[in-house]
Protein backbone atom coordinates (compact mmCIF):
# COMPACT_ATOMS: atom_id res chain seq x y z
CA MET A 1 0.01 0.00 0.00
CA PHE A 2 2.53 2.62 1.14
CA GLY A 3 5.99 2.53 -0.35
CA LYS A 4 5.39 -0.62 -2.40
CA LYS A 5 6.16 -0.34 -6.09
CA LYS A 6 3.43 -1.82 -8.29
CA GLU A 7 4.84 -4.44 -10.64
CA ASP A 8 4.03 -4.00 -14.32
CA MET A 9 2.06 -7.11 -15.29
CA LYS A 10 -0.80 -7.99 -17.62
CA VAL A 11 -2.73 -11.28 -17.80
CA ILE A 12 -5.25 -12.43 -20.43
CA GLY A 13 -7.09 -15.59 -21.29
CA CYS A 14 -6.56 -16.79 -24.85
CA THR A 15 -6.63 -19.71 -27.30
CA LEU A 16 -3.59 -21.13 -29.07
CA ILE A 17 -3.42 -20.68 -32.84
CA GLU A 18 0.17 -21.86 -33.38
CA GLY A 19 3.70 -21.84 -31.99
CA LEU A 20 3.61 -24.18 -28.97
CA PRO A 21 3.94 -27.98 -28.83
CA VAL A 22 0.35 -28.43 -27.55
CA ILE A 23 -2.97 -29.04 -29.30
CA LYS A 24 -4.10 -26.06 -31.38
CA GLY A 25 -7.20 -24.46 -29.87
CA SER A 26 -6.06 -25.16 -26.29
CA ASP A 27 -7.10 -22.62 -23.66
CA LEU A 28 -4.18 -20.59 -22.33
CA ILE A 29 -3.37 -17.93 -19.75
CA LEU A 30 -0.83 -15.44 -21.07
CA LYS A 31 1.08 -13.30 -18.55
CA LEU A 32 3.58 -10.58 -19.49
CA THR A 33 5.84 -9.12 -16.75
CA GLY A 34 9.24 -7.39 -16.64
CA ASP A 35 10.82 -10.89 -16.31
CA GLY A 36 9.23 -12.23 -19.54
CA VAL A 37 6.21 -14.12 -20.82
CA SER A 38 4.55 -17.05 -19.00
CA ILE A 39 2.07 -19.17 -20.89
CA ILE A 40 0.04 -21.66 -18.91
CA VAL A 41 -2.01 -24.35 -20.71
CA THR A 42 -5.13 -24.43 -18.50
CA PRO A 43 -6.31 -28.06 -19.00
CA THR A 44 -2.89 -29.62 -18.30
CA LYS A 45 -1.28 -26.85 -16.13
CA GLN A 46 1.79 -27.06 -18.42
CA THR A 47 3.84 -23.84 -18.29
CA PHE A 48 6.05 -22.25 -20.92
CA GLU A 49 8.46 -19.41 -19.94
CA ILE A 50 10.25 -16.99 -22.25
CA SER A 51 12.68 -14.59 -20.62
CA PHE A 52 12.33 -10.88 -21.44
CA SER A 53 15.79 -10.76 -23.04
CA LYS A 54 14.70 -13.28 -25.69
CA LEU A 55 11.54 -11.35 -26.68
CA THR A 56 11.84 -9.33 -29.88
CA SER A 57 8.24 -8.13 -30.20
CA VAL A 58 4.72 -8.50 -28.88
CA GLN A 59 2.05 -7.16 -31.23
CA TYR A 60 -1.73 -6.90 -31.31
CA TYR A 61 -3.79 -7.40 -34.46
CA ASN A 62 -7.49 -7.68 -35.13
CA GLU A 63 -9.56 -9.00 -37.98
CA THR A 64 -13.06 -7.86 -38.75
CA GLU A 65 -15.64 -9.98 -40.53
CA MET A 66 -18.98 -8.82 -41.75
CA GLU A 67 -21.64 -11.49 -41.96
CA LYS A 68 -25.18 -11.10 -43.20
CA VAL A 69 -27.81 -12.89 -41.15
CA ILE A 70 -31.00 -13.57 -43.06
CA SER A 71 -34.16 -14.41 -41.12
CA GLN A 72 -37.76 -14.87 -42.01
CA SER A 73 -40.43 -14.15 -39.45
CA ALA A 74 -42.75 -17.14 -39.12
CA PRO A 75 -44.88 -15.58 -36.37
CA GLY A 76 -45.23 -12.42 -38.48
CA MET A 77 -46.35 -14.53 -41.42
CA ILE A 78 -49.01 -16.32 -39.37
CA ILE A 79 -50.37 -13.12 -37.74
CA GLY A 80 -50.30 -11.25 -41.03
CA GLY A 81 -52.10 -14.12 -42.79
CA ALA A 82 -54.77 -14.32 -40.12
CA ALA A 83 -55.42 -10.57 -40.12
CA PHE A 84 -55.05 -9.66 -43.79
CA GLY A 85 -55.04 -12.91 -45.78
CA ILE A 86 -52.31 -13.89 -48.28
CA LEU A 87 -51.02 -10.36 -48.81
CA GLY A 88 -50.69 -9.92 -45.03
CA ALA A 89 -48.78 -13.23 -44.73
CA MET A 90 -46.36 -12.05 -47.46
CA VAL A 91 -45.70 -8.72 -45.77
CA GLY A 92 -45.56 -10.18 -42.24
CA GLY A 93 -43.21 -12.99 -43.23
CA ARG A 94 -40.84 -10.90 -45.34
CA ILE A 95 -37.13 -11.71 -45.20
CA LYS A 96 -35.13 -9.40 -43.01
CA THR A 97 -31.39 -9.03 -43.26
CA LYS A 98 -29.13 -7.95 -40.42
CA GLU A 99 -25.42 -7.39 -40.54
CA LYS A 100 -23.44 -9.13 -37.82
CA LYS A 101 -19.92 -7.88 -37.17
CA THR A 102 -17.38 -10.33 -35.70
CA VAL A 103 -13.96 -9.07 -34.57
CA THR A 104 -11.15 -11.53 -33.85
CA HIS A 105 -8.20 -10.36 -31.73
CA PHE A 106 -4.69 -11.81 -32.00
CA VAL A 107 -1.49 -11.41 -29.98
CA VAL A 108 1.73 -12.31 -31.84
CA ILE A 109 4.85 -12.95 -29.72
CA ASP A 110 8.17 -13.06 -31.57
CA PHE A 111 11.27 -14.36 -29.72
CA GLU A 112 14.73 -15.80 -30.25
CA SER A 113 15.41 -19.41 -29.30
CA GLU A 114 17.78 -21.24 -31.66
CA GLY A 115 16.48 -19.00 -34.44
CA SER A 116 13.49 -16.75 -34.76
CA LYS A 117 10.20 -18.21 -33.48
CA GLN A 118 6.64 -17.00 -33.13
CA ILE A 119 3.59 -17.76 -31.00
CA VAL A 120 0.13 -16.66 -32.12
CA VAL A 121 -2.81 -16.63 -29.77
CA GLN A 122 -6.41 -15.46 -30.15
CA SER A 123 -8.28 -13.61 -27.41
CA ASN A 124 -11.81 -12.32 -26.85
CA ASP A 125 -10.36 -9.63 -24.57
CA PHE A 126 -9.52 -6.87 -27.07
CA PHE A 127 -8.67 -4.42 -24.35
CA GLY A 128 -6.30 -6.80 -22.55
CA ALA A 129 -4.65 -7.91 -25.83
CA GLY A 130 -3.92 -4.28 -26.69
CA GLN A 131 -2.60 -3.67 -23.20
CA ILE A 132 -0.19 -6.60 -23.53
CA ALA A 133 1.37 -5.01 -26.63
CA ASP A 134 1.41 -1.58 -24.93
CA LEU A 135 3.10 -2.94 -21.79
CA PHE A 136 5.80 -4.62 -23.95
CA ARG A 137 6.45 -1.33 -25.72
CA LYS A 138 6.69 0.45 -22.34
CA LEU A 139 9.10 -2.15 -20.94
CA LYS A 140 11.31 -2.32 -24.05
CA PRO A 141 11.17 1.13 -25.66
CA ILE A 142 14.82 1.52 -26.80
CA GLU A 143 14.85 -1.42 -29.16
CA LEU A 144 11.58 -0.34 -30.73
CA ALA A 145 13.01 3.10 -31.43
CA ALA A 146 16.03 1.44 -33.17
CA ILE A 147 13.66 -0.62 -35.36
CA ALA A 148 11.78 2.51 -36.45
CA LEU A 149 14.96 4.11 -37.75
């Protein structure tokens, strides 16, 4: 409370896309601290550690999909048919289209371990995924400035 320094840390729940020797689609807990990245496979409690010195980048990406959902109102068709006949059934049961927007969030971790390697995870926590990338930039700002030049 008083005099204690708060440790920079961010934790998110995610799903494995690729990069670890476990089943793709496994549920994971991803934790980034000043010491490095810890990845815990939740069903098996298996833990993978990557030290901060081996990390080259942690980035956040998202992908937006637009999907049209088509629905026909059966209750509207029945009520319209009962009240106004065939024409009422046609109007009451008309096809309605709605657009459904799906956003997928990814965290990509690049690191050095006997060559360049990459771990890709998917998360439903867009805010947390973005904060993971922001925390990495905060903890390792000098090397990012060198890349930009």
